[in-house]
Amino acid sequence: MSRVCSITGAKPTKGHVIHRRGMAKKKGGVGQHVTANTPRLFVPNLKTRRVWVPELDRFVTVKLSARALKTIAKNGAYQTLKAAGLV
């Protein structure tokens, strides 16, 4: 399964981790030097959840990010899922 949130559309994005070596000048060293720029993935915090929709009187299984769970709690399950085109 793809790592995409059904509601927010959040998906993994590419980025880099900058590796540094040495003590900062501020701390009494000779300064930091960048030694590597390593690619990495920023993966969304996805959960597979069964959401109860009272208007439909049934559960709907969706893959959600933690942000989408907060959106459902705020706006209601039916309205959020309808806006995303899932109901």
C-alpha atoms as a PDB file:
ATOM      1  CA  MET A   1       0.000   0.000   0.000  1.00  0.00           C
ATOM      2  CA  SER A   2       1.133   3.524  -0.716  1.00  0.00           C
ATOM      3  CA  ARG A   3       2.117   5.814   2.130  1.00  0.00           C
ATOM      4  CA  VAL A   4      -0.444   8.540   1.411  1.00  0.00           C
ATOM      5  CA  CYS A   5      -3.026  10.040   3.761  1.00  0.00           C
ATOM      6  CA  SER A   6      -6.564   9.688   2.386  1.00  0.00           C
ATOM      7  CA  ILE A   7      -7.680  13.078   3.697  1.00  0.00           C
ATOM      8  CA  THR A   8      -4.722  15.460   3.708  1.00  0.00           C
ATOM      9  CA  GLY A   9      -2.802  13.832   0.843  1.00  0.00           C
ATOM     10  CA  ALA A  10       0.398  13.843   2.908  1.00  0.00           C
ATOM     11  CA  LYS A  11       3.082  11.607   1.405  1.00  0.00           C
ATOM     12  CA  PRO A  12       6.807  11.010   1.909  1.00  0.00           C
ATOM     13  CA  THR A  13       9.030  13.899   0.854  1.00  0.00           C
ATOM     14  CA  LYS A  14      12.744  13.876   0.172  1.00  0.00           C
ATOM     15  CA  GLY A  15      15.257  15.818   2.201  1.00  0.00           C
ATOM     16  CA  HIS A  16      18.810  15.689   3.470  1.00  0.00           C
ATOM     17  CA  VAL A  17      20.620  15.186   6.740  1.00  0.00           C
ATOM     18  CA  ILE A  18      23.680  17.405   6.983  1.00  0.00           C
ATOM     19  CA  HIS A  19      26.500  15.669   8.880  1.00  0.00           C
ATOM     20  CA  ARG A  20      28.773  18.037  10.718  1.00  0.00           C
ATOM     21  CA  ARG A  21      32.085  17.448  12.447  1.00  0.00           C
ATOM     22  CA  GLY A  22      33.986  19.553  14.971  1.00  0.00           C
ATOM     23  CA  MET A  23      33.145  21.797  17.886  1.00  0.00           C
ATOM     24  CA  ALA A  24      31.457  25.134  17.270  1.00  0.00           C
ATOM     25  CA  LYS A  25      33.564  28.285  17.599  1.00  0.00           C
ATOM     26  CA  LYS A  26      31.056  29.525  20.159  1.00  0.00           C
ATOM     27  CA  LYS A  27      32.009  26.587  22.382  1.00  0.00           C
ATOM     28  CA  GLY A  28      35.758  27.125  22.014  1.00  0.00           C
ATOM     29  CA  GLY A  29      36.417  24.884  19.004  1.00  0.00           C
ATOM     30  CA  VAL A  30      37.829  25.636  15.576  1.00  0.00           C
ATOM     31  CA  GLY A  31      34.411  25.535  13.913  1.00  0.00           C
ATOM     32  CA  GLN A  32      32.067  22.975  12.419  1.00  0.00           C
ATOM     33  CA  HIS A  33      32.645  21.487   8.980  1.00  0.00           C
ATOM     34  CA  VAL A  34      30.063  19.770   6.789  1.00  0.00           C
ATOM     35  CA  THR A  35      31.314  16.283   5.959  1.00  0.00           C
ATOM     36  CA  ALA A  36      28.298  14.733   4.176  1.00  0.00           C
ATOM     37  CA  ASN A  37      24.867  15.508   2.776  1.00  0.00           C
ATOM     38  CA  THR A  38      22.904  12.264   3.122  1.00  0.00           C
ATOM     39  CA  PRO A  39      19.496  11.832   1.445  1.00  0.00           C
ATOM     40  CA  ARG A  40      16.578  10.752   3.618  1.00  0.00           C
ATOM     41  CA  LEU A  41      12.756  10.495   3.569  1.00  0.00           C
ATOM     42  CA  PHE A  42      10.362  12.486   5.722  1.00  0.00           C
ATOM     43  CA  VAL A  43       7.517   9.975   6.173  1.00  0.00           C
ATOM     44  CA  PRO A  44       4.054  11.085   7.414  1.00  0.00           C
ATOM     45  CA  ASN A  45       2.687   9.627  10.651  1.00  0.00           C
ATOM     46  CA  LEU A  46       0.085   7.292   9.089  1.00  0.00           C
ATOM     47  CA  LYS A  47      -2.448   5.126  10.922  1.00  0.00           C
ATOM     48  CA  THR A  48      -5.056   2.752   9.517  1.00  0.00           C
ATOM     49  CA  ARG A  49      -8.279   3.495  11.386  1.00  0.00           C
ATOM     50  CA  ARG A  50     -11.916   2.399  11.340  1.00  0.00           C
ATOM     51  CA  VAL A  51     -13.916   5.591  11.689  1.00  0.00           C
ATOM     52  CA  TRP A  52     -17.559   5.374  12.807  1.00  0.00           C
ATOM     53  CA  VAL A  53     -19.818   7.529  10.619  1.00  0.00           C
ATOM     54  CA  PRO A  54     -23.211   7.962  12.359  1.00  0.00           C
ATOM     55  CA  GLU A  55     -24.885   9.416   9.227  1.00  0.00           C
ATOM     56  CA  LEU A  56     -24.104   6.207   7.305  1.00  0.00           C
ATOM     57  CA  ASP A  57     -24.509   3.981  10.390  1.00  0.00           C
ATOM     58  CA  ARG A  58     -21.304   2.076   9.581  1.00  0.00           C
ATOM     59  CA  PHE A  59     -17.534   2.045   9.957  1.00  0.00           C
ATOM     60  CA  VAL A  60     -15.253   3.331   7.191  1.00  0.00           C
ATOM     61  CA  THR A  61     -11.648   2.098   7.092  1.00  0.00           C
ATOM     62  CA  VAL A  62      -9.194   4.787   6.004  1.00  0.00           C
ATOM     63  CA  LYS A  63      -5.455   5.420   6.137  1.00  0.00           C
ATOM     64  CA  LEU A  64      -4.972   8.696   8.010  1.00  0.00           C
ATOM     65  CA  SER A  65      -2.186  10.894   9.239  1.00  0.00           C
ATOM     66  CA  ALA A  66      -2.242  12.127  12.836  1.00  0.00           C
ATOM     67  CA  ARG A  67      -3.155  15.583  11.489  1.00  0.00           C
ATOM     68  CA  ALA A  68      -6.190  14.106   9.667  1.00  0.00           C
ATOM     69  CA  LEU A  69      -7.369  12.424  12.889  1.00  0.00           C
ATOM     70  CA  LYS A  70      -7.391  15.851  14.547  1.00  0.00           C
ATOM     71  CA  THR A  71      -9.349  17.246  11.590  1.00  0.00           C
ATOM     72  CA  ILE A  72     -11.961  14.477  11.950  1.00  0.00           C
ATOM     73  CA  ALA A  73     -12.245  15.178  15.673  1.00  0.00           C
ATOM     74  CA  LYS A  74     -12.780  18.880  14.954  1.00  0.00           C
ATOM     75  CA  ASN A  75     -15.097  18.848  11.905  1.00  0.00           C
ATOM     76  CA  GLY A  76     -16.803  15.465  12.252  1.00  0.00           C
ATOM     77  CA  ALA A  77     -16.277  12.207  10.365  1.00  0.00           C
ATOM     78  CA  TYR A  78     -18.970  12.550   7.699  1.00  0.00           C
ATOM     79  CA  GLN A  79     -18.143  16.119   6.689  1.00  0.00           C
ATOM     80  CA  THR A  80     -14.378  15.431   6.511  1.00  0.00           C
ATOM     81  CA  LEU A  81     -14.719  12.160   4.573  1.00  0.00           C
ATOM     82  CA  LYS A  82     -17.230  13.731   2.191  1.00  0.00           C
ATOM     83  CA  ALA A  83     -14.893  16.651   1.463  1.00  0.00           C
ATOM     84  CA  ALA A  84     -12.109  14.154   0.693  1.00  0.00           C
ATOM     85  CA  GLY A  85     -14.431  12.184  -1.621  1.00  0.00           C
ATOM     86  CA  LEU A  86     -14.323   8.994   0.432  1.00  0.00           C
ATOM     87  CA  VAL A  87     -18.072   8.725   1.160  1.00  0.00           C
END
